[in-house]
PDB file of N, CA and C in Angstrom:
ATOM      1  N   UNK A   1      23.193   0.866  14.663  1.00  0.00           N
ATOM      2  CA  UNK A   1      21.914   0.287  13.941  1.00  0.00           C
ATOM      3  C   UNK A   1      21.141   1.736  13.503  1.00  0.00           C
ATOM      4  N   UNK A   2      20.747   1.811  12.346  1.00  0.00           N
ATOM      5  CA  UNK A   2      20.007   3.045  11.655  1.00  0.00           C
ATOM      6  C   UNK A   2      18.593   3.372  12.386  1.00  0.00           C
ATOM      7  N   UNK A   3      18.397   4.454  12.543  1.00  0.00           N
ATOM      8  CA  UNK A   3      17.126   4.969  13.176  1.00  0.00           C
ATOM      9  C   UNK A   3      16.082   4.508  12.058  1.00  0.00           C
ATOM     10  N   UNK A   4      14.937   4.140  12.424  1.00  0.00           N
ATOM     11  CA  UNK A   4      13.709   3.823  11.373  1.00  0.00           C
ATOM     12  C   UNK A   4      13.227   5.260  11.023  1.00  0.00           C
ATOM     13  N   UNK A   5      12.946   5.365   9.764  1.00  0.00           N
ATOM     14  CA  UNK A   5      12.509   6.498   9.147  1.00  0.00           C
ATOM     15  C   UNK A   5      10.932   6.568   9.400  1.00  0.00           C
ATOM     16  N   UNK A   6      10.349   7.468   9.849  1.00  0.00           N
ATOM     17  CA  UNK A   6       8.877   7.485  10.220  1.00  0.00           C
ATOM     18  C   UNK A   6       8.163   7.524   8.959  1.00  0.00           C
ATOM     19  N   UNK A   7       6.965   6.913   8.647  1.00  0.00           N
ATOM     20  CA  UNK A   7       6.158   7.158   7.273  1.00  0.00           C
ATOM     21  C   UNK A   7       5.897   8.507   7.035  1.00  0.00           C
ATOM     22  N   UNK A   8       5.923   8.965   5.686  1.00  0.00           N
ATOM     23  CA  UNK A   8       5.472  10.257   5.436  1.00  0.00           C
ATOM     24  C   UNK A   8       3.915  10.317   5.661  1.00  0.00           C
ATOM     25  N   UNK A   9       3.446  11.361   6.214  1.00  0.00           N
ATOM     26  CA  UNK A   9       1.936  11.348   6.680  1.00  0.00           C
ATOM     27  C   UNK A   9       1.111  12.228   5.703  1.00  0.00           C
ATOM     28  N   UNK A  10       1.569  12.076   4.392  1.00  0.00           N
ATOM     29  CA  UNK A  10       0.633  12.910   3.393  1.00  0.00           C
ATOM     30  C   UNK A  10      -0.740  12.152   3.178  1.00  0.00           C
ATOM     31  N   UNK A  11      -0.765  10.924   3.521  1.00  0.00           N
ATOM     32  CA  UNK A  11      -1.903  10.091   3.227  1.00  0.00           C
ATOM     33  C   UNK A  11      -2.321   9.171   4.675  1.00  0.00           C
ATOM     34  N   UNK A  12      -3.673   9.232   4.784  1.00  0.00           N
ATOM     35  CA  UNK A  12      -3.905   8.526   6.036  1.00  0.00           C
ATOM     36  C   UNK A  12      -3.585   7.136   5.939  1.00  0.00           C
ATOM     37  N   UNK A  13      -3.388   6.389   7.201  1.00  0.00           N
ATOM     38  CA  UNK A  13      -3.328   4.864   7.245  1.00  0.00           C
ATOM     39  C   UNK A  13      -4.738   4.386   6.850  1.00  0.00           C
ATOM     40  N   UNK A  14      -4.612   3.084   6.604  1.00  0.00           N
ATOM     41  CA  UNK A  14      -5.837   2.387   5.973  1.00  0.00           C
ATOM     42  C   UNK A  14      -7.021   2.452   7.217  1.00  0.00           C
ATOM     43  N   UNK A  15      -6.519   2.371   8.342  1.00  0.00           N
ATOM     44  CA  UNK A  15      -7.451   2.202   9.406  1.00  0.00           C
ATOM     45  C   UNK A  15      -8.041   3.848   9.806  1.00  0.00           C
ATOM     46  N   UNK A  16      -7.563   4.943   9.178  1.00  0.00           N
ATOM     47  CA  UNK A  16      -8.189   6.216   9.474  1.00  0.00           C
ATOM     48  C   UNK A  16      -9.123   6.538   8.356  1.00  0.00           C
ATOM     49  N   UNK A  17      -9.208   5.697   7.274  1.00  0.00           N
ATOM     50  CA  UNK A  17     -10.223   5.926   6.282  1.00  0.00           C
ATOM     51  C   UNK A  17     -11.619   5.990   6.783  1.00  0.00           C
ATOM     52  N   UNK A  18     -12.531   6.817   5.918  1.00  0.00           N
ATOM     53  CA  UNK A  18     -13.916   6.816   6.392  1.00  0.00           C
ATOM     54  C   UNK A  18     -14.405   5.579   6.556  1.00  0.00           C
ATOM     55  N   UNK A  19     -15.348   5.314   7.417  1.00  0.00           N
ATOM     56  CA  UNK A  19     -16.036   3.970   7.830  1.00  0.00           C
ATOM     57  C   UNK A  19     -16.535   3.284   6.451  1.00  0.00           C
ATOM     58  N   UNK A  20     -17.327   4.114   5.624  1.00  0.00           N
ATOM     59  CA  UNK A  20     -17.941   3.555   4.437  1.00  0.00           C
ATOM     60  C   UNK A  20     -16.690   2.954   3.568  1.00  0.00           C
ATOM     61  N   UNK A  21     -15.749   3.704   3.382  1.00  0.00           N
ATOM     62  CA  UNK A  21     -14.578   3.231   2.616  1.00  0.00           C
ATOM     63  C   UNK A  21     -13.981   1.771   3.020  1.00  0.00           C
ATOM     64  N   UNK A  22     -13.680   1.873   4.557  1.00  0.00           N
ATOM     65  CA  UNK A  22     -13.061   0.711   5.255  1.00  0.00           C
ATOM     66  C   UNK A  22     -14.057  -0.632   5.172  1.00  0.00           C
ATOM     67  N   UNK A  23     -15.437  -0.227   5.093  1.00  0.00           N
ATOM     68  CA  UNK A  23     -16.325  -1.291   5.191  1.00  0.00           C
ATOM     69  C   UNK A  23     -16.368  -2.026   3.698  1.00  0.00           C
ATOM     70  N   UNK A  24     -15.991  -1.184   2.714  1.00  0.00           N
ATOM     71  CA  UNK A  24     -16.168  -1.739   1.166  1.00  0.00           C
ATOM     72  C   UNK A  24     -14.875  -2.202   0.925  1.00  0.00           C
ATOM     73  N   UNK A  25     -13.687  -1.790   1.647  1.00  0.00           N
ATOM     74  CA  UNK A  25     -12.294  -2.298   1.288  1.00  0.00           C
ATOM     75  C   UNK A  25     -12.225  -3.737   1.283  1.00  0.00           C
ATOM     76  N   UNK A  26     -11.619  -4.463   0.209  1.00  0.00           N
ATOM     77  CA  UNK A  26     -11.521  -5.908   0.428  1.00  0.00           C
ATOM     78  C   UNK A  26     -10.385  -6.173   1.575  1.00  0.00           C
ATOM     79  N   UNK A  27     -10.366  -7.293   2.023  1.00  0.00           N
ATOM     80  CA  UNK A  27      -9.322  -7.716   3.065  1.00  0.00           C
ATOM     81  C   UNK A  27      -7.932  -7.604   2.342  1.00  0.00           C
ATOM     82  N   UNK A  28      -7.002  -6.953   2.947  1.00  0.00           N
ATOM     83  CA  UNK A  28      -5.660  -6.668   2.366  1.00  0.00           C
ATOM     84  C   UNK A  28      -4.644  -7.704   3.105  1.00  0.00           C
ATOM     85  N   UNK A  29      -3.912  -8.294   2.200  1.00  0.00           N
ATOM     86  CA  UNK A  29      -2.883  -9.452   2.625  1.00  0.00           C
ATOM     87  C   UNK A  29      -1.658  -8.950   1.796  1.00  0.00           C
ATOM     88  N   UNK A  30      -0.725  -8.289   2.329  1.00  0.00           N
ATOM     89  CA  UNK A  30       0.530  -7.955   1.785  1.00  0.00           C
ATOM     90  C   UNK A  30       1.499  -9.012   1.904  1.00  0.00           C
ATOM     91  N   UNK A  31       1.926  -9.871   1.094  1.00  0.00           N
ATOM     92  CA  UNK A  31       2.725 -11.058   1.447  1.00  0.00           C
ATOM     93  C   UNK A  31       4.157 -10.721   0.831  1.00  0.00           C
ATOM     94  N   UNK A  32       4.450  -9.573   0.216  1.00  0.00           N
ATOM     95  CA  UNK A  32       5.813  -9.438  -0.353  1.00  0.00           C
ATOM     96  C   UNK A  32       5.884  -7.870  -0.497  1.00  0.00           C
ATOM     97  N   UNK A  33       6.967  -7.255  -0.254  1.00  0.00           N
ATOM     98  CA  UNK A  33       7.181  -5.910  -0.318  1.00  0.00           C
ATOM     99  C   UNK A  33       8.674  -5.642  -0.677  1.00  0.00           C
ATOM    100  N   UNK A  34       8.765  -5.193  -1.911  1.00  0.00           N
ATOM    101  CA  UNK A  34      10.217  -4.978  -2.359  1.00  0.00           C
ATOM    102  C   UNK A  34      10.295  -3.597  -2.669  1.00  0.00           C
ATOM    103  N   UNK A  35      11.284  -2.791  -1.977  1.00  0.00           N
ATOM    104  CA  UNK A  35      11.617  -1.464  -2.199  1.00  0.00           C
ATOM    105  C   UNK A  35      12.928  -1.406  -2.839  1.00  0.00           C
ATOM    106  N   UNK A  36      13.197  -0.600  -3.989  1.00  0.00           N
ATOM    107  CA  UNK A  36      14.589  -0.424  -4.555  1.00  0.00           C
ATOM    108  C   UNK A  36      14.709   0.992  -4.933  1.00  0.00           C
ATOM    109  N   UNK A  37      15.995   1.353  -4.911  1.00  0.00           N
ATOM    110  CA  UNK A  37      16.367   2.778  -5.385  1.00  0.00           C
ATOM    111  C   UNK A  37      15.599   3.112  -6.693  1.00  0.00           C
ATOM    112  N   UNK A  38      15.582   2.135  -7.622  1.00  0.00           N
ATOM    113  CA  UNK A  38      15.086   2.290  -8.935  1.00  0.00           C
ATOM    114  C   UNK A  38      13.539   2.012  -8.935  1.00  0.00           C
ATOM    115  N   UNK A  39      12.727   3.094  -9.003  1.00  0.00           N
ATOM    116  CA  UNK A  39      11.280   2.692  -8.986  1.00  0.00           C
ATOM    117  C   UNK A  39      10.649   1.633  -9.863  1.00  0.00           C
ATOM    118  N   UNK A  40      11.390   1.489 -11.137  1.00  0.00           N
ATOM    119  CA  UNK A  40      11.060   0.278 -11.926  1.00  0.00           C
ATOM    120  C   UNK A  40      11.067  -1.181 -11.367  1.00  0.00           C
ATOM    121  N   UNK A  41      11.895  -1.153 -10.387  1.00  0.00           N
ATOM    122  CA  UNK A  41      12.032  -2.456  -9.606  1.00  0.00           C
ATOM    123  C   UNK A  41      11.460  -2.678  -8.301  1.00  0.00           C
ATOM    124  N   UNK A  42      10.486  -1.621  -8.064  1.00  0.00           N
ATOM    125  CA  UNK A  42       9.556  -1.730  -6.875  1.00  0.00           C
ATOM    126  C   UNK A  42       8.346  -2.466  -6.993  1.00  0.00           C
ATOM    127  N   UNK A  43       8.012  -3.320  -6.263  1.00  0.00           N
ATOM    128  CA  UNK A  43       6.703  -4.088  -6.335  1.00  0.00           C
ATOM    129  C   UNK A  43       6.223  -4.671  -5.026  1.00  0.00           C
ATOM    130  N   UNK A  44       4.994  -5.055  -4.894  1.00  0.00           N
ATOM    131  CA  UNK A  44       4.332  -5.767  -3.886  1.00  0.00           C
ATOM    132  C   UNK A  44       3.568  -6.893  -4.236  1.00  0.00           C
ATOM    133  N   UNK A  45       3.426  -7.983  -3.439  1.00  0.00           N
ATOM    134  CA  UNK A  45       2.364  -8.874  -3.729  1.00  0.00           C
ATOM    135  C   UNK A  45       1.395  -8.762  -2.749  1.00  0.00           C
ATOM    136  N   UNK A  46       0.075  -8.154  -3.355  1.00  0.00           N
ATOM    137  CA  UNK A  46      -1.051  -7.930  -2.551  1.00  0.00           C
ATOM    138  C   UNK A  46      -2.149  -8.809  -2.997  1.00  0.00           C
ATOM    139  N   UNK A  47      -2.755  -9.713  -2.015  1.00  0.00           N
ATOM    140  CA  UNK A  47      -3.809 -10.543  -2.225  1.00  0.00           C
ATOM    141  C   UNK A  47      -3.467 -11.336  -3.532  1.00  0.00           C
ATOM    142  N   UNK A  48      -2.314 -11.879  -3.409  1.00  0.00           N
ATOM    143  CA  UNK A  48      -1.887 -12.956  -4.232  1.00  0.00           C
ATOM    144  C   UNK A  48      -1.538 -12.399  -5.758  1.00  0.00           C
ATOM    145  N   UNK A  49      -1.555 -11.053  -5.939  1.00  0.00           N
ATOM    146  CA  UNK A  49      -1.401 -10.439  -7.197  1.00  0.00           C
ATOM    147  C   UNK A  49      -0.022  -9.746  -7.080  1.00  0.00           C
ATOM    148  N   UNK A  50       0.962  -9.857  -8.027  1.00  0.00           N
ATOM    149  CA  UNK A  50       2.192  -9.047  -8.027  1.00  0.00           C
ATOM    150  C   UNK A  50       1.916  -7.899  -8.762  1.00  0.00           C
ATOM    151  N   UNK A  51       2.093  -6.583  -8.021  1.00  0.00           N
ATOM    152  CA  UNK A  51       1.871  -5.332  -8.550  1.00  0.00           C
ATOM    153  C   UNK A  51       3.068  -4.416  -8.767  1.00  0.00           C
ATOM    154  N   UNK A  52       3.141  -3.644  -9.763  1.00  0.00           N
ATOM    155  CA  UNK A  52       4.011  -2.603  -9.734  1.00  0.00           C
ATOM    156  C   UNK A  52       3.272  -1.181  -9.599  1.00  0.00           C
ATOM    157  N   UNK A  53       4.017  -0.237  -9.358  1.00  0.00           N
ATOM    158  CA  UNK A  53       3.339   1.075  -9.107  1.00  0.00           C
ATOM    159  C   UNK A  53       2.402   1.333 -10.377  1.00  0.00           C
ATOM    160  N   UNK A  54       1.187   1.671 -10.043  1.00  0.00           N
ATOM    161  CA  UNK A  54       0.110   2.001 -11.131  1.00  0.00           C
ATOM    162  C   UNK A  54      -0.740   0.725 -11.502  1.00  0.00           C
ATOM    163  N   UNK A  55      -0.405  -0.493 -11.009  1.00  0.00           N
ATOM    164  CA  UNK A  55      -1.123  -1.706 -11.289  1.00  0.00           C
ATOM    165  C   UNK A  55      -2.360  -1.749 -10.324  1.00  0.00           C
ATOM    166  N   UNK A  56      -3.418  -2.552 -10.750  1.00  0.00           N
ATOM    167  CA  UNK A  56      -4.587  -2.626  -9.974  1.00  0.00           C
ATOM    168  C   UNK A  56      -4.969  -4.233  -9.689  1.00  0.00           C
ATOM    169  N   UNK A  57      -5.506  -4.434  -8.475  1.00  0.00           N
ATOM    170  CA  UNK A  57      -5.965  -5.826  -8.252  1.00  0.00           C
ATOM    171  C   UNK A  57      -7.257  -5.990  -8.984  1.00  0.00           C
ATOM    172  N   UNK A  58      -7.673  -7.353  -8.831  1.00  0.00           N
ATOM    173  CA  UNK A  58      -9.023  -7.599  -9.468  1.00  0.00           C
ATOM    174  C   UNK A  58     -10.161  -7.010  -8.599  1.00  0.00           C
ATOM    175  N   UNK A  59      -9.865  -6.575  -7.339  1.00  0.00           N
ATOM    176  CA  UNK A  59     -10.957  -6.060  -6.592  1.00  0.00           C
ATOM    177  C   UNK A  59     -10.726  -4.477  -6.583  1.00  0.00           C
ATOM    178  N   UNK A  60     -10.053  -3.894  -7.551  1.00  0.00           N
ATOM    179  CA  UNK A  60     -10.191  -2.540  -7.721  1.00  0.00           C
ATOM    180  C   UNK A  60      -9.183  -1.754  -6.509  1.00  0.00           C
ATOM    181  N   UNK A  61      -8.209  -2.303  -6.158  1.00  0.00           N
ATOM    182  CA  UNK A  61      -7.183  -1.620  -5.268  1.00  0.00           C
ATOM    183  C   UNK A  61      -6.057  -1.309  -6.140  1.00  0.00           C
ATOM    184  N   UNK A  62      -5.566  -0.116  -6.174  1.00  0.00           N
ATOM    185  CA  UNK A  62      -4.419   0.254  -7.154  1.00  0.00           C
ATOM    186  C   UNK A  62      -3.243   0.672  -6.231  1.00  0.00           C
ATOM    187  N   UNK A  63      -2.184   0.134  -6.733  1.00  0.00           N
ATOM    188  CA  UNK A  63      -0.866   0.381  -5.991  1.00  0.00           C
ATOM    189  C   UNK A  63      -0.314   1.753  -6.735  1.00  0.00           C
ATOM    190  N   UNK A  64      -0.339   2.793  -5.799  1.00  0.00           N
ATOM    191  CA  UNK A  64       0.128   4.195  -6.296  1.00  0.00           C
ATOM    192  C   UNK A  64       1.603   4.249  -6.170  1.00  0.00           C
ATOM    193  N   UNK A  65       2.126   3.764  -4.948  1.00  0.00           N
ATOM    194  CA  UNK A  65       3.596   3.936  -4.720  1.00  0.00           C
ATOM    195  C   UNK A  65       4.037   3.110  -3.710  1.00  0.00           C
ATOM    196  N   UNK A  66       5.271   2.448  -3.897  1.00  0.00           N
ATOM    197  CA  UNK A  66       5.986   1.498  -2.955  1.00  0.00           C
ATOM    198  C   UNK A  66       6.929   2.423  -2.159  1.00  0.00           C
ATOM    199  N   UNK A  67       6.887   2.441  -0.923  1.00  0.00           N
ATOM    200  CA  UNK A  67       7.699   3.235  -0.054  1.00  0.00           C
ATOM    201  C   UNK A  67       8.511   2.178   0.846  1.00  0.00           C
ATOM    202  N   UNK A  68       9.683   2.650   1.388  1.00  0.00           N
ATOM    203  CA  UNK A  68      10.517   1.807   2.276  1.00  0.00           C
ATOM    204  C   UNK A  68       9.678   1.033   3.455  1.00  0.00           C
ATOM    205  N   UNK A  69       8.727   1.584   3.865  1.00  0.00           N
ATOM    206  CA  UNK A  69       8.020   1.071   5.062  1.00  0.00           C
ATOM    207  C   UNK A  69       6.531   0.640   4.774  1.00  0.00           C
ATOM    208  N   UNK A  70       6.129   0.483   3.429  1.00  0.00           N
ATOM    209  CA  UNK A  70       4.714   0.102   3.010  1.00  0.00           C
ATOM    210  C   UNK A  70       4.510   0.595   1.631  1.00  0.00           C
ATOM    211  N   UNK A  71       3.177   0.740   1.365  1.00  0.00           N
ATOM    212  CA  UNK A  71       2.643   1.031   0.087  1.00  0.00           C
ATOM    213  C   UNK A  71       1.542   1.940   0.197  1.00  0.00           C
ATOM    214  N   UNK A  72       1.528   2.932  -0.537  1.00  0.00           N
ATOM    215  CA  UNK A  72       0.305   3.769  -0.792  1.00  0.00           C
ATOM    216  C   UNK A  72      -0.715   3.199  -1.995  1.00  0.00           C
ATOM    217  N   UNK A  73      -1.740   2.766  -1.355  1.00  0.00           N
ATOM    218  CA  UNK A  73      -2.747   2.229  -2.090  1.00  0.00           C
ATOM    219  C   UNK A  73      -3.967   3.165  -2.528  1.00  0.00           C
ATOM    220  N   UNK A  74      -4.863   2.779  -3.380  1.00  0.00           N
ATOM    221  CA  UNK A  74      -6.091   3.596  -3.625  1.00  0.00           C
ATOM    222  C   UNK A  74      -7.246   2.764  -3.822  1.00  0.00           C
ATOM    223  N   UNK A  75      -8.470   3.068  -3.258  1.00  0.00           N
ATOM    224  CA  UNK A  75      -9.616   2.315  -3.365  1.00  0.00           C
ATOM    225  C   UNK A  75     -10.623   3.412  -3.310  1.00  0.00           C
ATOM    226  N   UNK A  76     -11.666   3.298  -4.265  1.00  0.00           N
ATOM    227  CA  UNK A  76     -12.818   4.132  -4.302  1.00  0.00           C
ATOM    228  C   UNK A  76     -12.390   5.698  -4.426  1.00  0.00           C
ATOM    229  N   UNK A  77     -11.256   6.128  -5.061  1.00  0.00           N
ATOM    230  CA  UNK A  77     -10.923   7.308  -4.975  1.00  0.00           C
ATOM    231  C   UNK A  77     -10.129   7.961  -3.732  1.00  0.00           C
ATOM    232  N   UNK A  78      -9.819   7.012  -2.714  1.00  0.00           N
ATOM    233  CA  UNK A  78      -9.221   7.223  -1.530  1.00  0.00           C
ATOM    234  C   UNK A  78      -7.807   6.723  -1.414  1.00  0.00           C
ATOM    235  N   UNK A  79      -6.789   7.508  -1.264  1.00  0.00           N
ATOM    236  CA  UNK A  79      -5.445   7.075  -1.112  1.00  0.00           C
ATOM    237  C   UNK A  79      -5.331   6.739   0.245  1.00  0.00           C
ATOM    238  N   UNK A  80      -4.376   5.819   0.615  1.00  0.00           N
ATOM    239  CA  UNK A  80      -4.083   5.467   1.950  1.00  0.00           C
ATOM    240  C   UNK A  80      -2.820   4.821   2.082  1.00  0.00           C
ATOM    241  N   UNK A  81      -2.113   4.643   3.386  1.00  0.00           N
ATOM    242  CA  UNK A  81      -0.900   4.201   3.441  1.00  0.00           C
ATOM    243  C   UNK A  81      -1.207   2.706   4.105  1.00  0.00           C
ATOM    244  N   UNK A  82      -0.610   1.659   3.698  1.00  0.00           N
ATOM    245  CA  UNK A  82      -0.782   0.349   4.094  1.00  0.00           C
ATOM    246  C   UNK A  82       0.873  -0.147   4.531  1.00  0.00           C
ATOM    247  N   UNK A  83       1.028  -0.277   5.858  1.00  0.00           N
ATOM    248  CA  UNK A  83       2.520  -0.396   6.350  1.00  0.00           C
ATOM    249  C   UNK A  83       2.797  -1.942   5.800  1.00  0.00           C
ATOM    250  N   UNK A  84       4.116  -2.071   5.565  1.00  0.00           N
ATOM    251  CA  UNK A  84       4.453  -3.437   5.355  1.00  0.00           C
ATOM    252  C   UNK A  84       4.332  -4.705   6.197  1.00  0.00           C
ATOM    253  N   UNK A  85       4.185  -4.355   7.392  1.00  0.00           N
ATOM    254  CA  UNK A  85       3.877  -5.124   8.544  1.00  0.00           C
ATOM    255  C   UNK A  85       2.305  -5.282   8.791  1.00  0.00           C
ATOM    256  N   UNK A  86       1.496  -4.589   8.014  1.00  0.00           N
ATOM    257  CA  UNK A  86       0.063  -4.745   8.253  1.00  0.00           C
ATOM    258  C   UNK A  86      -0.435  -4.070   9.420  1.00  0.00           C
ATOM    259  N   UNK A  87       0.319  -3.240  10.051  1.00  0.00           N
ATOM    260  CA  UNK A  87      -0.207  -2.819  11.479  1.00  0.00           C
ATOM    261  C   UNK A  87       0.058  -1.315  11.375  1.00  0.00           C
TER     262      UNK A  87
END
Protein backbone atom coordinates (compact mmCIF):
# COMPACT_ATOMS: atom_id res chain seq x y z
CA UNK A 1 0.00 0.00 0.00
CA UNK A 2 1.52 3.37 -0.99
CA UNK A 3 2.42 5.85 1.71
CA UNK A 4 0.14 8.92 1.63
CA UNK A 5 1.87 12.07 0.41
CA UNK A 6 1.57 14.92 2.92
CA UNK A 7 0.09 18.15 1.55
CA UNK A 8 2.46 20.87 0.39
CA UNK A 9 2.47 23.45 3.14
CA UNK A 10 3.04 26.51 0.96
CA UNK A 11 -0.44 27.82 1.81
CA UNK A 12 -2.28 27.63 5.14
CA UNK A 13 -5.18 25.28 5.79
CA UNK A 14 -8.55 27.04 5.69
CA UNK A 15 -8.85 26.84 9.48
CA UNK A 16 -5.53 28.72 9.82
CA UNK A 17 -6.82 31.82 8.00
CA UNK A 18 -7.21 35.06 9.94
CA UNK A 19 -10.48 35.18 11.87
CA UNK A 20 -11.88 38.04 9.77
CA UNK A 21 -11.41 36.00 6.58
CA UNK A 22 -12.84 32.79 8.12
CA UNK A 23 -15.86 34.74 9.33
CA UNK A 24 -16.55 36.14 5.84
CA UNK A 25 -15.79 32.84 4.04
CA UNK A 26 -18.94 31.11 2.78
CA UNK A 27 -19.62 27.55 3.90
CA UNK A 28 -17.52 25.23 1.74
CA UNK A 29 -18.94 21.92 0.46
CA UNK A 30 -16.52 19.94 -1.68
CA UNK A 31 -18.71 17.19 -3.16
CA UNK A 32 -16.38 16.03 -5.95
CA UNK A 33 -12.62 16.15 -6.42
CA UNK A 34 -10.94 14.95 -9.63
CA UNK A 35 -7.15 14.99 -9.86
CA UNK A 36 -5.52 13.91 -13.14
CA UNK A 37 -2.01 14.03 -14.54
CA UNK A 38 -3.23 16.45 -17.18
CA UNK A 39 -4.12 19.76 -15.46
CA UNK A 40 -6.84 20.39 -18.06
CA UNK A 41 -8.76 17.38 -16.71
CA UNK A 42 -8.68 18.45 -13.06
CA UNK A 43 -11.79 19.89 -11.45
CA UNK A 44 -13.83 20.05 -8.28
CA UNK A 45 -17.49 20.50 -7.48
CA UNK A 46 -17.58 23.15 -4.77
CA UNK A 47 -20.89 24.43 -3.39
CA UNK A 48 -22.72 22.77 -6.32
CA UNK A 49 -20.52 24.51 -8.94
CA UNK A 50 -18.15 22.59 -11.22
CA UNK A 51 -14.86 24.48 -11.24
CA UNK A 52 -11.69 24.08 -13.24
CA UNK A 53 -8.48 25.78 -12.11
CA UNK A 54 -8.98 29.56 -12.35
CA UNK A 55 -12.81 29.42 -12.08
CA UNK A 56 -14.75 31.29 -9.41
CA UNK A 57 -17.95 30.46 -7.51
CA UNK A 58 -20.85 32.89 -7.30
CA UNK A 59 -19.70 33.80 -3.78
CA UNK A 60 -16.22 34.82 -4.96
CA UNK A 61 -14.19 31.71 -4.03
CA UNK A 62 -11.60 30.99 -6.74
CA UNK A 63 -10.13 27.56 -7.45
CA UNK A 64 -6.40 28.15 -7.90
CA UNK A 65 -5.08 24.58 -8.01
CA UNK A 66 -6.36 21.01 -7.75
CA UNK A 67 -3.90 18.84 -5.83
CA UNK A 68 -3.99 15.10 -5.17
CA UNK A 69 -5.27 15.65 -1.64
CA UNK A 70 -7.46 18.71 -2.01
CA UNK A 71 -7.69 22.16 -3.54
CA UNK A 72 -5.99 25.52 -3.19
CA UNK A 73 -8.72 28.14 -3.03
CA UNK A 74 -8.61 31.91 -2.79
CA UNK A 75 -11.02 34.26 -1.03
CA UNK A 76 -10.54 37.99 -0.41
CA UNK A 77 -6.94 37.77 -1.61
CA UNK A 78 -6.08 34.92 0.77
CA UNK A 79 -5.00 31.57 -0.65
CA UNK A 80 -5.62 28.48 1.45
CA UNK A 81 -5.74 24.71 1.26
CA UNK A 82 -9.00 22.81 1.56
CA UNK A 83 -8.47 19.03 1.91
CA UNK A 84 -10.69 16.78 -0.15
CA UNK A 85 -12.13 15.16 2.97
CA UNK A 86 -12.95 18.61 4.37
CA UNK A 87 -10.87 18.11 7.52
